[in-house]
Protein backbone atom coordinates (compact mmCIF):
# COMPACT_ATOMS: atom_id res chain seq x y z
CA MET A 1 0.00 0.00 0.00
CA ILE A 2 1.10 3.55 -0.69
CA ASN A 3 0.54 6.58 1.50
CA ILE A 4 0.51 10.22 0.44
CA LEU A 5 2.39 12.56 2.78
CA GLU A 6 2.57 16.32 2.69
CA GLU A 7 5.99 17.80 3.41
CA GLY A 8 5.71 21.55 3.04
CA ASN A 9 5.31 22.33 -0.65
CA ILE A 10 5.91 18.75 -1.70
CA ILE A 11 3.65 15.69 -1.86
CA VAL A 12 5.50 12.43 -1.23
CA LEU A 13 4.31 8.94 -2.13
CA VAL A 14 5.72 6.41 0.33
CA ASP A 15 5.45 2.71 1.06
CA SER A 16 3.07 2.33 4.00
CA ASN A 17 5.16 -0.48 5.50
CA ASP A 18 8.67 0.95 5.57
CA ASN A 19 8.18 4.60 4.47
CA THR A 20 10.36 4.12 1.38
CA LYS A 21 9.93 7.21 -0.77
CA TYR A 22 8.69 6.36 -4.23
CA TYR A 23 7.94 9.75 -5.72
CA GLU A 24 7.86 13.46 -4.92
CA ILE A 25 5.80 16.16 -6.61
CA GLU A 26 6.13 19.88 -6.01
CA LYS A 27 2.71 21.42 -5.43
CA SER A 28 3.62 24.25 -7.81
CA ARG A 29 3.67 21.66 -10.62
CA PHE A 30 0.30 20.04 -9.81
CA GLU A 31 -1.52 21.56 -12.76
CA GLU A 32 0.86 20.26 -15.43
CA THR A 33 -1.05 18.62 -18.24
CA ILE A 34 -0.35 16.85 -21.49
CA HIS A 35 -2.32 16.62 -24.72
CA ASN A 36 -5.95 17.62 -24.07
CA ASN A 37 -5.68 18.65 -20.43
CA LEU A 38 -4.87 15.18 -19.12
CA SER A 39 -3.04 15.09 -15.82
CA ASP A 40 0.63 14.55 -16.53
CA TRP A 41 1.23 13.29 -12.99
CA ILE A 42 -1.53 10.68 -12.96
CA LEU A 43 -0.46 9.32 -16.34
CA GLN A 44 3.20 9.18 -15.26
CA LEU A 45 2.42 7.41 -12.00
CA VAL A 46 0.02 4.79 -13.38
CA ASP A 47 2.90 3.14 -15.27
CA LYS A 48 5.13 2.73 -12.21
CA SER A 49 5.54 -0.89 -11.10
CA TRP A 50 4.93 0.04 -7.46
CA MET A 51 1.60 1.63 -8.44
CA LEU A 52 0.18 -1.73 -9.58
CA ASN A 53 -2.99 -2.43 -7.55
CA ASN A 54 -2.75 1.01 -5.93
CA THR A 55 -4.84 3.12 -8.30
CA CYS A 56 -6.90 4.46 -5.40
CA VAL A 57 -3.80 6.53 -4.61
CA LEU A 58 -4.13 8.20 -8.00
CA TYR A 59 -7.67 9.29 -7.16
CA GLN A 60 -6.49 10.53 -3.76
CA LEU A 61 -3.73 12.52 -5.46
CA ALA A 62 -6.28 13.98 -7.89
CA ALA A 63 -8.42 15.07 -4.93
CA ILE A 64 -5.37 16.77 -3.37
CA ILE A 65 -4.61 18.52 -6.66
CA CYS A 66 -8.22 19.78 -6.81
CA LYS A 67 -8.02 21.02 -3.23
CA GLU A 68 -4.71 22.80 -3.81
CA CYS A 69 -5.63 24.08 -7.30
CA PRO A 70 -9.42 24.44 -7.40
CA LYS A 71 -9.38 26.24 -10.75
CA ASN A 72 -7.29 23.60 -12.53
CA THR A 73 -8.27 22.69 -16.08
CA ILE A 74 -7.45 18.99 -15.82
CA ASP A 75 -9.90 16.68 -17.54
CA TRP A 76 -10.23 14.07 -14.78
CA TYR A 77 -12.72 11.93 -16.65
CA THR A 78 -10.49 11.39 -19.69
CA THR A 79 -7.38 11.05 -17.53
CA PHE A 80 -8.92 8.26 -15.47
CA LEU A 81 -10.56 6.66 -18.50
CA ALA A 82 -7.01 5.92 -19.73
CA VAL A 83 -6.01 4.61 -16.28
CA GLU A 84 -9.01 2.35 -15.84
CA LYS A 85 -8.95 1.06 -19.42
CA GLY A 86 -5.41 -0.21 -18.91
CA ASN A 87 -6.30 -1.74 -15.54
CA TYR A 88 -9.49 -3.38 -16.76
CA LEU A 89 -7.98 -4.89 -19.88
CA ASP A 90 -4.91 -6.09 -17.96
CA LEU A 91 -7.15 -7.81 -15.41
CA LEU A 92 -9.12 -9.46 -18.20
CA ALA A 93 -5.94 -10.61 -19.90
CA ASP A 94 -4.46 -11.97 -16.67
CA SER A 95 -7.61 -13.92 -15.92
CA LEU A 96 -8.25 -15.27 -19.43
CA LEU A 97 -4.87 -15.75 -21.10
CA PRO A 98 -2.76 -18.81 -20.35
CA LYS A 99 0.54 -18.10 -18.61
CA GLU A 100 3.54 -18.15 -20.93
CA LYS A 101 7.11 -19.05 -20.03
CA ASP A 102 8.44 -16.73 -22.72
CA SER A 103 7.91 -13.19 -21.41
CA MET A 104 8.08 -11.58 -24.88
CA LYS A 105 5.46 -14.00 -26.20
CA SER A 106 3.33 -13.23 -23.16
CA VAL A 107 3.59 -9.48 -23.72
CA MET A 108 2.70 -9.81 -27.40
CA LYS A 109 -0.35 -11.96 -26.58
CA LYS A 110 -1.44 -9.42 -23.97
CA ILE A 111 -1.13 -6.54 -26.43
CA LYS A 112 -3.20 -8.40 -29.02
CA PHE A 113 -5.73 -9.40 -26.36
CA ASN A 114 -6.08 -5.79 -25.16
CA ARG A 115 -6.58 -4.58 -28.72
CA ASP A 116 -9.20 -7.26 -29.38
CA GLN A 117 -11.00 -6.53 -26.12
CA SER A 118 -11.36 -2.79 -26.74
CA THR A 119 -15.04 -3.32 -27.48
CA PRO A 120 -17.98 -0.95 -26.97
CA GLU A 121 -19.26 -3.25 -24.20
CA ASN A 122 -15.97 -3.10 -22.31
CA HIS A 123 -15.72 0.65 -22.90
CA LYS A 124 -19.12 1.09 -21.27
CA ILE A 125 -17.99 -0.93 -18.23
CA ILE A 126 -14.82 1.16 -17.96
CA GLN A 127 -16.85 4.40 -18.20
CA GLU A 128 -19.06 3.20 -15.34
CA ILE A 129 -15.99 2.40 -13.22
CA VAL A 130 -14.55 5.87 -13.88
CA ASN A 131 -17.83 7.68 -13.15
CA GLN A 132 -18.28 5.80 -9.88
CA LYS A 133 -14.73 6.46 -8.68
CA LEU A 134 -14.83 10.13 -9.70
CA THR A 135 -18.01 10.46 -7.65
CA ASN A 136 -16.50 8.61 -4.70
CA TYR A 137 -13.50 10.95 -4.66
CA HIS A 138 -15.58 14.10 -5.40
CA LEU A 139 -13.78 14.74 -8.68
CA ASN A 140 -16.77 15.42 -10.93
């Protein structure tokens, strides 16, 4: 599990067991976005290996960003749509694809699986997940 600590003008993501620092973000950089107002920080953090199974921390961080920068222009819905799509399709792949000894073969099968599973039905499920979590964290 990951905890979010506030140290002056910096937010620190730490391991809840041993307080190992994983990441630091200056509050003055909270509003940084990429492309169409997607949160640069959320999209950077989601790909970290230590963030696996800790996406609730991303929503908590988004709530802190909103509190610190209430007039931010970040598109939280689209940001988290990208996060949840990756999580959902990875979970599907892990549960449905056979385990491979060859890691490259496994990765290629997962990529193909994710592409094939990007269906309107799955997109609707992912949208519902995002809407529910945005509501839970008061981000909409």
